[in-house]
Amino acid sequence: MNPETRHRRDLALRITGALEEHAATTAVLLVGSTASDDADKLSDLDLITYYDELPFEATLAAVRRALGDPPAEPLGGSRGEGGFAETWRLDGIECQVSFRTIASQERDLAAVLEQHARAR
């Protein structure tokens, strides 16, 4: 594993630990260049986190405090029923964290499968 990937995976573990401690995370998916061991010094960190119910802002504030209080910026729009995303800067690395409900993920997967079945 290259050193840039290792650094980002260590950071992902730090984020995951804070999420598990404060936000009742059901699952976390590491995606992008860090997942494929292709990270370089310009790479960001991409995480998709899953919940039965989305965490409240006060919960996310506790997560961010545990991580050193990085400023959070919305990513890709406002908080919706099925999820939202934020970007944080930790250790000089942009961390894009998506928060999704399991129900919204299951709906998306069902739609993809249905579309695939119709295309056949």
PDB file of N, CA and C in Angstrom:
ATOM      1  N   MET A   1       0.847  -1.178   0.000  1.00  0.00           N
ATOM      2  CA  MET A   1       0.000   0.000   0.000  1.00  0.00           C
ATOM      3  C   MET A   1       0.892   1.240   0.000  1.00  0.00           C
ATOM      4  N   ASN A   2       0.557   2.190  -0.864  1.00  0.00           N
ATOM      5  CA  ASN A   2       1.403   3.382  -0.941  1.00  0.00           C
ATOM      6  C   ASN A   2       1.174   4.282   0.276  1.00  0.00           C
ATOM      7  N   PRO A   3       2.151   5.125   0.609  1.00  0.00           N
ATOM      8  CA  PRO A   3       2.061   5.944   1.830  1.00  0.00           C
ATOM      9  C   PRO A   3       0.872   6.917   1.837  1.00  0.00           C
ATOM     10  N   GLU A   4       0.501   7.459   0.691  1.00  0.00           N
ATOM     11  CA  GLU A   4      -0.635   8.395   0.635  1.00  0.00           C
ATOM     12  C   GLU A   4      -1.938   7.665   0.925  1.00  0.00           C
ATOM     13  N   THR A   5      -2.078   6.454   0.387  1.00  0.00           N
ATOM     14  CA  THR A   5      -3.260   5.644   0.693  1.00  0.00           C
ATOM     15  C   THR A   5      -3.287   5.297   2.174  1.00  0.00           C
ATOM     16  N   ARG A   6      -2.151   4.860   2.712  1.00  0.00           N
ATOM     17  CA  ARG A   6      -2.078   4.486   4.132  1.00  0.00           C
ATOM     18  C   ARG A   6      -2.497   5.659   5.018  1.00  0.00           C
ATOM     19  N   HIS A   7      -1.989   6.855   4.733  1.00  0.00           N
ATOM     20  CA  HIS A   7      -2.330   8.037   5.536  1.00  0.00           C
ATOM     21  C   HIS A   7      -3.838   8.292   5.489  1.00  0.00           C
ATOM     22  N   ARG A   8      -4.435   8.198   4.311  1.00  0.00           N
ATOM     23  CA  ARG A   8      -5.862   8.456   4.174  1.00  0.00           C
ATOM     24  C   ARG A   8      -6.701   7.358   4.822  1.00  0.00           C
ATOM     25  N   ARG A   9      -6.236   6.121   4.762  1.00  0.00           N
ATOM     26  CA  ARG A   9      -6.974   5.042   5.429  1.00  0.00           C
ATOM     27  C   ARG A   9      -6.903   5.197   6.949  1.00  0.00           C
ATOM     28  N   ASP A  10      -5.760   5.633   7.453  1.00  0.00           N
ATOM     29  CA  ASP A  10      -5.659   5.914   8.886  1.00  0.00           C
ATOM     30  C   ASP A  10      -6.621   7.038   9.282  1.00  0.00           C
ATOM     31  N   LEU A  11      -6.703   8.045   8.434  1.00  0.00           N
ATOM     32  CA  LEU A  11      -7.631   9.150   8.680  1.00  0.00           C
ATOM     33  C   LEU A  11      -9.081   8.647   8.624  1.00  0.00           C
ATOM     34  N   ALA A  12      -9.378   7.760   7.686  1.00  0.00           N
ATOM     35  CA  ALA A  12     -10.723   7.177   7.583  1.00  0.00           C
ATOM     36  C   ALA A  12     -11.069   6.413   8.859  1.00  0.00           C
ATOM     37  N   LEU A  13     -10.100   5.700   9.416  1.00  0.00           N
ATOM     38  CA  LEU A  13     -10.338   4.983  10.675  1.00  0.00           C
ATOM     39  C   LEU A  13     -10.606   5.954  11.821  1.00  0.00           C
ATOM     40  N   ARG A  14      -9.904   7.072  11.830  1.00  0.00           N
ATOM     41  CA  ARG A  14     -10.122   8.093  12.856  1.00  0.00           C
ATOM     42  C   ARG A  14     -11.542   8.668  12.744  1.00  0.00           C
ATOM     43  N   ILE A  15     -11.951   8.978  11.525  1.00  0.00           N
ATOM     44  CA  ILE A  15     -13.298   9.510  11.291  1.00  0.00           C
ATOM     45  C   ILE A  15     -14.348   8.472  11.675  1.00  0.00           C
ATOM     46  N   THR A  16     -14.131   7.243  11.240  1.00  0.00           N
ATOM     47  CA  THR A  16     -15.070   6.167  11.540  1.00  0.00           C
ATOM     48  C   THR A  16     -15.219   5.964  13.041  1.00  0.00           C
ATOM     49  N   GLY A  17     -14.124   6.036  13.765  1.00  0.00           N
ATOM     50  CA  GLY A  17     -14.183   5.902  15.220  1.00  0.00           C
ATOM     51  C   GLY A  17     -15.038   6.983  15.856  1.00  0.00           C
ATOM     52  N   ALA A  18     -14.859   8.224  15.397  1.00  0.00           N
ATOM     53  CA  ALA A  18     -15.665   9.335  15.934  1.00  0.00           C
ATOM     54  C   ALA A  18     -17.138   9.166  15.572  1.00  0.00           C
ATOM     55  N   LEU A  19     -17.407   8.708  14.362  1.00  0.00           N
ATOM     56  CA  LEU A  19     -18.796   8.482  13.952  1.00  0.00           C
ATOM     57  C   LEU A  19     -19.441   7.372  14.774  1.00  0.00           C
ATOM     58  N   GLU A  20     -18.704   6.294  14.983  1.00  0.00           N
ATOM     59  CA  GLU A  20     -19.262   5.186  15.763  1.00  0.00           C
ATOM     60  C   GLU A  20     -19.515   5.603  17.215  1.00  0.00           C
ATOM     61  N   GLU A  21     -18.640   6.427  17.754  1.00  0.00           N
ATOM     62  CA  GLU A  21     -18.785   6.859  19.144  1.00  0.00           C
ATOM     63  C   GLU A  21     -19.980   7.787  19.342  1.00  0.00           C
ATOM     64  N   HIS A  22     -20.225   8.663  18.364  1.00  0.00           N
ATOM     65  CA  HIS A  22     -21.231   9.712  18.563  1.00  0.00           C
ATOM     66  C   HIS A  22     -22.492   9.575  17.710  1.00  0.00           C
ATOM     67  N   ALA A  23     -22.420   8.876  16.581  1.00  0.00           N
ATOM     68  CA  ALA A  23     -23.511   8.980  15.609  1.00  0.00           C
ATOM     69  C   ALA A  23     -24.229   7.670  15.274  1.00  0.00           C
ATOM     70  N   ALA A  24     -23.972   6.598  15.997  1.00  0.00           N
ATOM     71  CA  ALA A  24     -24.675   5.327  15.758  1.00  0.00           C
ATOM     72  C   ALA A  24     -24.636   4.913  14.292  1.00  0.00           C
ATOM     73  N   THR A  25     -23.461   4.963  13.708  1.00  0.00           N
ATOM     74  CA  THR A  25     -23.269   4.563  12.316  1.00  0.00           C
ATOM     75  C   THR A  25     -23.536   3.067  12.172  1.00  0.00           C
ATOM     76  N   THR A  26     -24.288   2.702  11.147  1.00  0.00           N
ATOM     77  CA  THR A  26     -24.562   1.293  10.884  1.00  0.00           C
ATOM     78  C   THR A  26     -23.463   0.675  10.034  1.00  0.00           C
ATOM     79  N   ALA A  27     -22.979   1.427   9.037  1.00  0.00           N
ATOM     80  CA  ALA A  27     -21.924   0.934   8.149  1.00  0.00           C
ATOM     81  C   ALA A  27     -21.197   2.120   7.539  1.00  0.00           C
ATOM     82  N   VAL A  28     -19.960   1.877   7.105  1.00  0.00           N
ATOM     83  CA  VAL A  28     -19.162   2.898   6.427  1.00  0.00           C
ATOM     84  C   VAL A  28     -18.536   2.249   5.198  1.00  0.00           C
ATOM     85  N   LEU A  29     -18.605   2.948   4.072  1.00  0.00           N
ATOM     86  CA  LEU A  29     -18.014   2.468   2.838  1.00  0.00           C
ATOM     87  C   LEU A  29     -16.931   3.445   2.398  1.00  0.00           C
ATOM     88  N   LEU A  30     -15.725   2.953   2.259  1.00  0.00           N
ATOM     89  CA  LEU A  30     -14.610   3.745   1.737  1.00  0.00           C
ATOM     90  C   LEU A  30     -14.611   3.592   0.225  1.00  0.00           C
ATOM     91  N   VAL A  31     -14.621   4.701  -0.498  1.00  0.00           N
ATOM     92  CA  VAL A  31     -14.650   4.667  -1.965  1.00  0.00           C
ATOM     93  C   VAL A  31     -13.551   5.568  -2.521  1.00  0.00           C
ATOM     94  N   GLY A  32     -13.398   5.557  -3.813  1.00  0.00           N
ATOM     95  CA  GLY A  32     -12.447   6.429  -4.477  1.00  0.00           C
ATOM     96  C   GLY A  32     -11.030   5.891  -4.463  1.00  0.00           C
ATOM     97  N   SER A  33     -10.087   6.793  -4.654  1.00  0.00           N
ATOM     98  CA  SER A  33      -8.683   6.407  -4.801  1.00  0.00           C
ATOM     99  C   SER A  33      -8.100   5.770  -3.546  1.00  0.00           C
ATOM    100  N   THR A  34      -8.614   6.141  -2.389  1.00  0.00           N
ATOM    101  CA  THR A  34      -8.108   5.529  -1.157  1.00  0.00           C
ATOM    102  C   THR A  34      -8.535   4.065  -1.078  1.00  0.00           C
ATOM    103  N   ALA A  35      -9.730   3.766  -1.538  1.00  0.00           N
ATOM    104  CA  ALA A  35     -10.213   2.383  -1.525  1.00  0.00           C
ATOM    105  C   ALA A  35      -9.440   1.517  -2.509  1.00  0.00           C
ATOM    106  N   SER A  36      -9.052   2.095  -3.642  1.00  0.00           N
ATOM    107  CA  SER A  36      -8.376   1.313  -4.682  1.00  0.00           C
ATOM    108  C   SER A  36      -6.852   1.382  -4.591  1.00  0.00           C
ATOM    109  N   ASP A  37      -6.318   1.995  -3.537  1.00  0.00           N
ATOM    110  CA  ASP A  37      -4.874   2.140  -3.329  1.00  0.00           C
ATOM    111  C   ASP A  37      -4.212   2.952  -4.443  1.00  0.00           C
ATOM    112  N   ASP A  38      -4.940   3.946  -4.939  1.00  0.00           N
ATOM    113  CA  ASP A  38      -4.407   4.831  -5.982  1.00  0.00           C
ATOM    114  C   ASP A  38      -4.234   6.261  -5.489  1.00  0.00           C
ATOM    115  N   ALA A  39      -4.312   6.492  -4.193  1.00  0.00           N
ATOM    116  CA  ALA A  39      -4.236   7.848  -3.654  1.00  0.00           C
ATOM    117  C   ALA A  39      -2.850   8.438  -3.889  1.00  0.00           C
ATOM    118  N   ASP A  40      -2.842   9.745  -4.160  1.00  0.00           N
ATOM    119  CA  ASP A  40      -1.582  10.479  -4.239  1.00  0.00           C
ATOM    120  C   ASP A  40      -1.710  11.708  -3.345  1.00  0.00           C
ATOM    121  N   LYS A  41      -0.714  12.570  -3.358  1.00  0.00           N
ATOM    122  CA  LYS A  41      -0.706  13.705  -2.429  1.00  0.00           C
ATOM    123  C   LYS A  41      -1.849  14.696  -2.670  1.00  0.00           C
ATOM    124  N   LEU A  42      -2.508  14.629  -3.829  1.00  0.00           N
ATOM    125  CA  LEU A  42      -3.618  15.526  -4.135  1.00  0.00           C
ATOM    126  C   LEU A  42      -4.982  14.883  -3.892  1.00  0.00           C
ATOM    127  N   SER A  43      -5.004  13.620  -3.524  1.00  0.00           N
ATOM    128  CA  SER A  43      -6.259  12.884  -3.374  1.00  0.00           C
ATOM    129  C   SER A  43      -7.041  13.325  -2.143  1.00  0.00           C
ATOM    130  N   ASP A  44      -8.360  13.290  -2.296  1.00  0.00           N
ATOM    131  CA  ASP A  44      -9.217  13.519  -1.144  1.00  0.00           C
ATOM    132  C   ASP A  44      -9.555  12.166  -0.523  1.00  0.00           C
ATOM    133  N   LEU A  45     -10.425  12.181   0.462  1.00  0.00           N
ATOM    134  CA  LEU A  45     -10.890  10.977   1.130  1.00  0.00           C
ATOM    135  C   LEU A  45     -12.396  10.952   0.993  1.00  0.00           C
ATOM    136  N   ASP A  46     -12.940   9.839   0.510  1.00  0.00           N
ATOM    137  CA  ASP A  46     -14.371   9.719   0.267  1.00  0.00           C
ATOM    138  C   ASP A  46     -14.958   8.600   1.107  1.00  0.00           C
ATOM    139  N   LEU A  47     -15.922   8.954   1.956  1.00  0.00           N
ATOM    140  CA  LEU A  47     -16.613   7.974   2.797  1.00  0.00           C
ATOM    141  C   LEU A  47     -18.114   8.117   2.612  1.00  0.00           C
ATOM    142  N   ILE A  48     -18.798   6.982   2.548  1.00  0.00           N
ATOM    143  CA  ILE A  48     -20.257   6.963   2.573  1.00  0.00           C
ATOM    144  C   ILE A  48     -20.641   6.272   3.869  1.00  0.00           C
ATOM    145  N   THR A  49     -21.431   6.957   4.690  1.00  0.00           N
ATOM    146  CA  THR A  49     -21.837   6.398   5.978  1.00  0.00           C
ATOM    147  C   THR A  49     -23.339   6.138   5.940  1.00  0.00           C
ATOM    148  N   TYR A  50     -23.738   5.052   6.601  1.00  0.00           N
ATOM    149  CA  TYR A  50     -25.137   4.606   6.546  1.00  0.00           C
ATOM    150  C   TYR A  50     -25.746   4.552   7.944  1.00  0.00           C
ATOM    151  N   TYR A  51     -27.028   4.912   7.993  1.00  0.00           N
ATOM    152  CA  TYR A  51     -27.758   5.026   9.264  1.00  0.00           C
ATOM    153  C   TYR A  51     -29.188   4.540   9.094  1.00  0.00           C
ATOM    154  N   ASP A  52     -29.765   4.058  10.187  1.00  0.00           N
ATOM    155  CA  ASP A  52     -31.208   3.807  10.181  1.00  0.00           C
ATOM    156  C   ASP A  52     -31.935   5.142  10.086  1.00  0.00           C
ATOM    157  N   GLU A  53     -31.466   6.128  10.865  1.00  0.00           N
ATOM    158  CA  GLU A  53     -31.980   7.499  10.813  1.00  0.00           C
ATOM    159  C   GLU A  53     -30.791   8.443  10.755  1.00  0.00           C
ATOM    160  N   LEU A  54     -30.893   9.473   9.948  1.00  0.00           N
ATOM    161  CA  LEU A  54     -29.789  10.414   9.803  1.00  0.00           C
ATOM    162  C   LEU A  54     -29.451  11.082  11.130  1.00  0.00           C
ATOM    163  N   PRO A  55     -28.174  11.319  11.381  1.00  0.00           N
ATOM    164  CA  PRO A  55     -27.793  11.995  12.626  1.00  0.00           C
ATOM    165  C   PRO A  55     -28.228  13.465  12.615  1.00  0.00           C
ATOM    166  N   PHE A  56     -28.561  13.955  13.808  1.00  0.00           N
ATOM    167  CA  PHE A  56     -28.919  15.362  13.960  1.00  0.00           C
ATOM    168  C   PHE A  56     -27.656  16.224  13.902  1.00  0.00           C
ATOM    169  N   GLU A  57     -27.831  17.510  13.659  1.00  0.00           N
ATOM    170  CA  GLU A  57     -26.700  18.436  13.578  1.00  0.00           C
ATOM    171  C   GLU A  57     -25.893  18.448  14.866  1.00  0.00           C
ATOM    172  N   ALA A  58     -26.554  18.389  16.016  1.00  0.00           N
ATOM    173  CA  ALA A  58     -25.828  18.381  17.296  1.00  0.00           C
ATOM    174  C   ALA A  58     -24.927  17.153  17.401  1.00  0.00           C
ATOM    175  N   THR A  59     -25.383  16.032  16.875  1.00  0.00           N
ATOM    176  CA  THR A  59     -24.576  14.810  16.866  1.00  0.00           C
ATOM    177  C   THR A  59     -23.357  14.990  15.979  1.00  0.00           C
ATOM    178  N   LEU A  60     -23.569  15.564  14.801  1.00  0.00           N
ATOM    179  CA  LEU A  60     -22.441  15.789  13.884  1.00  0.00           C
ATOM    180  C   LEU A  60     -21.466  16.808  14.460  1.00  0.00           C
ATOM    181  N   ALA A  61     -21.965  17.770  15.199  1.00  0.00           N
ATOM    182  CA  ALA A  61     -21.074  18.736  15.853  1.00  0.00           C
ATOM    183  C   ALA A  61     -20.177  18.015  16.856  1.00  0.00           C
ATOM    184  N   ALA A  62     -20.719  17.033  17.565  1.00  0.00           N
ATOM    185  CA  ALA A  62     -19.911  16.242  18.508  1.00  0.00           C
ATOM    186  C   ALA A  62     -18.861  15.424  17.772  1.00  0.00           C
ATOM    187  N   VAL A  63     -19.223  14.885  16.621  1.00  0.00           N
ATOM    188  CA  VAL A  63     -18.255  14.138  15.793  1.00  0.00           C
ATOM    189  C   VAL A  63     -17.134  15.062  15.369  1.00  0.00           C
ATOM    190  N   ARG A  64     -17.493  16.228  14.859  1.00  0.00           N
ATOM    191  CA  ARG A  64     -16.466  17.174  14.404  1.00  0.00           C
ATOM    192  C   ARG A  64     -15.580  17.633  15.557  1.00  0.00           C
ATOM    193  N   ARG A  65     -16.167  17.856  16.736  1.00  0.00           N
ATOM    194  CA  ARG A  65     -15.352  18.232  17.905  1.00  0.00           C
ATOM    195  C   ARG A  65     -14.332  17.140  18.221  1.00  0.00           C
ATOM    196  N   ALA A  66     -14.768  15.894  18.154  1.00  0.00           N
ATOM    197  CA  ALA A  66     -13.860  14.768  18.422  1.00  0.00           C
ATOM    198  C   ALA A  66     -12.721  14.699  17.407  1.00  0.00           C
ATOM    199  N   LEU A  67     -12.934  15.284  16.244  1.00  0.00           N
ATOM    200  CA  LEU A  67     -11.920  15.286  15.181  1.00  0.00           C
ATOM    201  C   LEU A  67     -11.117  16.587  15.141  1.00  0.00           C
ATOM    202  N   GLY A  68     -11.288  17.447  16.126  1.00  0.00           N
ATOM    203  CA  GLY A  68     -10.531  18.697  16.154  1.00  0.00           C
ATOM    204  C   GLY A  68     -11.302  19.888  15.639  1.00  0.00           C
ATOM    205  N   ASP A  69     -12.599  19.741  15.454  1.00  0.00           N
ATOM    206  CA  ASP A  69     -13.498  20.821  15.041  1.00  0.00           C
ATOM    207  C   ASP A  69     -13.194  21.406  13.665  1.00  0.00           C
ATOM    208  N   PRO A  70     -13.065  20.561  12.631  1.00  0.00           N
ATOM    209  CA  PRO A  70     -12.874  21.123  11.290  1.00  0.00           C
ATOM    210  C   PRO A  70     -14.160  21.807  10.822  1.00  0.00           C
ATOM    211  N   PRO A  71     -14.048  22.904  10.099  1.00  0.00           N
ATOM    212  CA  PRO A  71     -15.252  23.528   9.545  1.00  0.00           C
ATOM    213  C   PRO A  71     -15.929  22.556   8.575  1.00  0.00           C
ATOM    214  N   ALA A  72     -17.243  22.528   8.627  1.00  0.00           N
ATOM    215  CA  ALA A  72     -18.014  21.670   7.728  1.00  0.00           C
ATOM    216  C   ALA A  72     -18.687  22.532   6.674  1.00  0.00           C
ATOM    217  N   GLU A  73     -18.597  22.089   5.442  1.00  0.00           N
ATOM    218  CA  GLU A  73     -19.293  22.764   4.356  1.00  0.00           C
ATOM    219  C   GLU A  73     -20.207  21.758   3.683  1.00  0.00           C
ATOM    220  N   PRO A  74     -21.447  22.163   3.378  1.00  0.00           N
ATOM    221  CA  PRO A  74     -22.348  21.246   2.666  1.00  0.00           C
ATOM    222  C   PRO A  74     -21.751  20.885   1.307  1.00  0.00           C
ATOM    223  N   LEU A  75     -22.017  19.697   0.887  1.00  0.00           N
ATOM    224  CA  LEU A  75     -21.498  19.205  -0.387  1.00  0.00           C
ATOM    225  C   LEU A  75     -22.683  18.722  -1.214  1.00  0.00           C
ATOM    226  N   GLY A  76     -22.922  19.356  -2.342  1.00  0.00           N
ATOM    227  CA  GLY A  76     -23.959  18.885  -3.248  1.00  0.00           C
ATOM    228  C   GLY A  76     -25.386  19.184  -2.838  1.00  0.00           C
ATOM    229  N   GLY A  77     -25.615  20.250  -2.145  1.00  0.00           N
ATOM    230  CA  GLY A  77     -26.984  20.623  -1.822  1.00  0.00           C
ATOM    231  C   GLY A  77     -27.294  20.518  -0.347  1.00  0.00           C
ATOM    232  N   SER A  78     -28.573  20.652  -0.054  1.00  0.00           N
ATOM    233  CA  SER A  78     -28.998  20.687   1.340  1.00  0.00           C
ATOM    234  C   SER A  78     -29.324  19.287   1.859  1.00  0.00           C
ATOM    235  N   ARG A  79     -29.539  19.223   3.132  1.00  0.00           N
ATOM    236  CA  ARG A  79     -29.894  17.978   3.800  1.00  0.00           C
ATOM    237  C   ARG A  79     -31.266  17.531   3.317  1.00  0.00           C
ATOM    238  N   GLY A  80     -31.330  16.322   2.805  1.00  0.00           N
ATOM    239  CA  GLY A  80     -32.594  15.777   2.332  1.00  0.00           C
ATOM    240  C   GLY A  80     -33.038  14.625   3.207  1.00  0.00           C
ATOM    241  N   GLU A  81     -34.207  14.095   2.901  1.00  0.00           N
ATOM    242  CA  GLU A  81     -34.770  13.002   3.683  1.00  0.00           C
ATOM    243  C   GLU A  81     -33.865  11.763   3.659  1.00  0.00           C
ATOM    244  N   GLY A  82     -33.273  11.494   2.502  1.00  0.00           N
ATOM    245  CA  GLY A  82     -32.458  10.288   2.363  1.00  0.00           C
ATOM    246  C   GLY A  82     -30.988  10.474   2.662  1.00  0.00           C
ATOM    247  N   GLY A  83     -30.552  11.727   2.744  1.00  0.00           N
ATOM    248  CA  GLY A  83     -29.147  11.922   3.044  1.00  0.00           C
ATOM    249  C   GLY A  83     -28.625  13.293   2.674  1.00  0.00           C
ATOM    250  N   PHE A  84     -27.362  13.468   2.919  1.00  0.00           N
ATOM    251  CA  PHE A  84     -26.656  14.717   2.630  1.00  0.00           C
ATOM    252  C   PHE A  84     -25.160  14.424   2.702  1.00  0.00           C
ATOM    253  N   ALA A  85     -24.365  15.405   2.350  1.00  0.00           N
ATOM    254  CA  ALA A  85     -22.911  15.231   2.405  1.00  0.00           C
ATOM    255  C   ALA A  85     -22.259  16.512   2.900  1.00  0.00           C
ATOM    256  N   GLU A  86     -21.109  16.327   3.535  1.00  0.00           N
ATOM    257  CA  GLU A  86     -20.298  17.449   4.011  1.00  0.00           C
ATOM    258  C   GLU A  86     -18.857  17.227   3.590  1.00  0.00           C
ATOM    259  N   THR A  87     -18.121  18.307   3.539  1.00  0.00           N
ATOM    260  CA  THR A  87     -16.682  18.203   3.341  1.00  0.00           C
ATOM    261  C   THR A  87     -15.987  18.833   4.540  1.00  0.00           C
ATOM    262  N   TRP A  88     -14.981  18.149   5.034  1.00  0.00           N
ATOM    263  CA  TRP A  88     -14.161  18.608   6.156  1.00  0.00           C
ATOM    264  C   TRP A  88     -12.721  18.582   5.709  1.00  0.00           C
ATOM    265  N   ARG A  89     -11.893  19.428   6.277  1.00  0.00           N
ATOM    266  CA  ARG A  89     -10.459  19.394   6.004  1.00  0.00           C
ATOM    267  C   ARG A  89      -9.751  18.927   7.277  1.00  0.00           C
ATOM    268  N   LEU A  90      -9.136  17.735   7.191  1.00  0.00           N
ATOM    269  CA  LEU A  90      -8.417  17.152   8.317  1.00  0.00           C
ATOM    270  C   LEU A  90      -7.007  16.791   7.869  1.00  0.00           C
ATOM    271  N   ASP A  91      -6.028  17.148   8.657  1.00  0.00           N
ATOM    272  CA  ASP A  91      -4.625  16.853   8.327  1.00  0.00           C
ATOM    273  C   ASP A  91      -4.263  17.313   6.916  1.00  0.00           C
ATOM    274  N   GLY A  92      -4.865  18.422   6.478  1.00  0.00           N
ATOM    275  CA  GLY A  92      -4.579  18.956   5.148  1.00  0.00           C
ATOM    276  C   GLY A  92      -5.251  18.202   4.018  1.00  0.00           C
ATOM    277  N   ILE A  93      -6.145  17.269   4.342  1.00  0.00           N
ATOM    278  CA  ILE A  93      -6.809  16.447   3.329  1.00  0.00           C
ATOM    279  C   ILE A  93      -8.298  16.759   3.325  1.00  0.00           C
ATOM    280  N   GLU A  94      -8.857  16.960   2.137  1.00  0.00           N
ATOM    281  CA  GLU A  94     -10.291  17.160   2.023  1.00  0.00           C
ATOM    282  C   GLU A  94     -10.975  15.811   2.237  1.00  0.00           C
ATOM    283  N   CYS A  95     -11.905  15.792   3.178  1.00  0.00           N
ATOM    284  CA  CYS A  95     -12.647  14.579   3.510  1.00  0.00           C
ATOM    285  C   CYS A  95     -14.104  14.799   3.132  1.00  0.00           C
ATOM    286  N   GLN A  96     -14.577  14.078   2.139  1.00  0.00           N
ATOM    287  CA  GLN A  96     -15.957  14.183   1.709  1.00  0.00           C
ATOM    288  C   GLN A  96     -16.721  13.030   2.342  1.00  0.00           C
ATOM    289  N   VAL A  97     -17.659  13.385   3.220  1.00  0.00           N
ATOM    290  CA  VAL A  97     -18.394  12.388   3.984  1.00  0.00           C
ATOM    291  C   VAL A  97     -19.873  12.492   3.630  1.00  0.00           C
ATOM    292  N   SER A  98     -20.401  11.397   3.129  1.00  0.00           N
ATOM    293  CA  SER A  98     -21.809  11.315   2.764  1.00  0.00           C
ATOM    294  C   SER A  98     -22.554  10.579   3.869  1.00  0.00           C
ATOM    295  N   PHE A  99     -23.721  11.085   4.231  1.00  0.00           N
ATOM    296  CA  PHE A  99     -24.569  10.499   5.263  1.00  0.00           C
ATOM    297  C   PHE A  99     -25.855  10.034   4.588  1.00  0.00           C
ATOM    298  N   ARG A 100     -26.127   8.727   4.609  1.00  0.00           N
ATOM    299  CA  ARG A 100     -27.296   8.183   3.912  1.00  0.00           C
ATOM    300  C   ARG A 100     -28.081   7.262   4.819  1.00  0.00           C
ATOM    301  N   THR A 101     -29.371   7.233   4.603  1.00  0.00           N
ATOM    302  CA  THR A 101     -30.165   6.234   5.305  1.00  0.00           C
ATOM    303  C   THR A 101     -30.078   4.920   4.533  1.00  0.00           C
ATOM    304  N   ILE A 102     -30.195   3.844   5.264  1.00  0.00           N
ATOM    305  CA  ILE A 102     -30.201   2.531   4.616  1.00  0.00           C
ATOM    306  C   ILE A 102     -31.404   2.427   3.688  1.00  0.00           C
ATOM    307  N   ALA A 103     -32.541   2.958   4.105  1.00  0.00           N
ATOM    308  CA  ALA A 103     -33.748   2.912   3.277  1.00  0.00           C
ATOM    309  C   ALA A 103     -33.532   3.615   1.939  1.00  0.00           C
ATOM    310  N   SER A 104     -32.855   4.764   1.936  1.00  0.00           N
ATOM    311  CA  SER A 104     -32.623   5.476   0.667  1.00  0.00           C
ATOM    312  C   SER A 104     -31.664   4.680  -0.229  1.00  0.00           C
ATOM    313  N   GLN A 105     -30.684   4.029   0.371  1.00  0.00           N
ATOM    314  CA  GLN A 105     -29.762   3.210  -0.406  1.00  0.00           C
ATOM    315  C   GLN A 105     -30.501   2.018  -1.017  1.00  0.00           C
ATOM    316  N   GLU A 106     -31.357   1.395  -0.236  1.00  0.00           N
ATOM    317  CA  GLU A 106     -32.126   0.260  -0.751  1.00  0.00           C
ATOM    318  C   GLU A 106     -33.048   0.689  -1.884  1.00  0.00           C
ATOM    319  N   ARG A 107     -33.673   1.874  -1.774  1.00  0.00           N
ATOM    320  CA  ARG A 107     -34.516   2.384  -2.865  1.00  0.00           C
ATOM    321  C   ARG A 107     -33.690   2.606  -4.123  1.00  0.00           C
ATOM    322  N   ASP A 108     -32.502   3.201  -3.960  1.00  0.00           N
ATOM    323  CA  ASP A 108     -31.644   3.452  -5.118  1.00  0.00           C
ATOM    324  C   ASP A 108     -31.217   2.150  -5.786  1.00  0.00           C
ATOM    325  N   LEU A 109     -30.853   1.167  -4.993  1.00  0.00           N
ATOM    326  CA  LEU A 109     -30.447  -0.125  -5.551  1.00  0.00           C
ATOM    327  C   LEU A 109     -31.611  -0.808  -6.258  1.00  0.00           C
ATOM    328  N   ALA A 110     -32.792  -0.748  -5.684  1.00  0.00           N
ATOM    329  CA  ALA A 110     -33.974  -1.339  -6.314  1.00  0.00           C
ATOM    330  C   ALA A 110     -34.263  -0.673  -7.662  1.00  0.00           C
ATOM    331  N   ALA A 111     -34.123   0.647  -7.719  1.00  0.00           N
ATOM    332  CA  ALA A 111     -34.357   1.376  -8.965  1.00  0.00           C
ATOM    333  C   ALA A 111     -33.350   0.973 -10.036  1.00  0.00           C
ATOM    334  N   VAL A 112     -32.099   0.816  -9.656  1.00  0.00           N
ATOM    335  CA  VAL A 112     -31.065   0.403 -10.610  1.00  0.00           C
ATOM    336  C   VAL A 112     -31.366  -0.998 -11.131  1.00  0.00           C
ATOM    337  N   LEU A 113     -31.722  -1.911 -10.234  1.00  0.00           N
ATOM    338  CA  LEU A 113     -32.036  -3.278 -10.651  1.00  0.00           C
ATOM    339  C   LEU A 113     -33.254  -3.321 -11.560  1.00  0.00           C
ATOM    340  N   GLU A 114     -34.263  -2.531 -11.240  1.00  0.00           N
ATOM    341  CA  GLU A 114     -35.457  -2.474 -12.082  1.00  0.00           C
ATOM    342  C   GLU A 114     -35.126  -1.925 -13.467  1.00  0.00           C
ATOM    343  N   GLN A 115     -34.325  -0.879 -13.507  1.00  0.00           N
ATOM    344  CA  GLN A 115     -33.928  -0.300 -14.789  1.00  0.00           C
ATOM    345  C   GLN A 115     -33.116  -1.306 -15.598  1.00  0.00           C
ATOM    346  N   HIS A 116     -32.227  -2.022 -14.937  1.00  0.00           N
ATOM    347  CA  HIS A 116     -31.426  -3.044 -15.623  1.00  0.00           C
ATOM    348  C   HIS A 116     -32.318  -4.149 -16.186  1.00  0.00           C
ATOM    349  N   ALA A 117     -33.321  -4.575 -15.421  1.00  0.00           N
ATOM    350  CA  ALA A 117     -34.215  -5.642 -15.866  1.00  0.00           C
ATOM    351  C   ALA A 117     -35.027  -5.194 -17.080  1.00  0.00           C
ATOM    352  N   ARG A 118     -35.454  -3.919 -17.092  1.00  0.00           N
ATOM    353  CA  ARG A 118     -36.214  -3.402 -18.242  1.00  0.00           C
ATOM    354  C   ARG A 118     -35.347  -3.298 -19.483  1.00  0.00           C
ATOM    355  N   ALA A 119     -34.063  -3.029 -19.295  1.00  0.00           N
ATOM    356  CA  ALA A 119     -33.149  -2.853 -20.435  1.00  0.00           C
ATOM    357  C   ALA A 119     -32.809  -4.188 -21.114  1.00  0.00           C
ATOM    358  N   ARG A 120     -33.067  -5.268 -20.431  1.00  0.00           N
ATOM    359  CA  ARG A 120     -32.721  -6.590 -20.993  1.00  0.00           C
ATOM    360  C   ARG A 120     -33.719  -6.986 -21.966  1.00  0.00           C
TER     361      ARG A 120
END
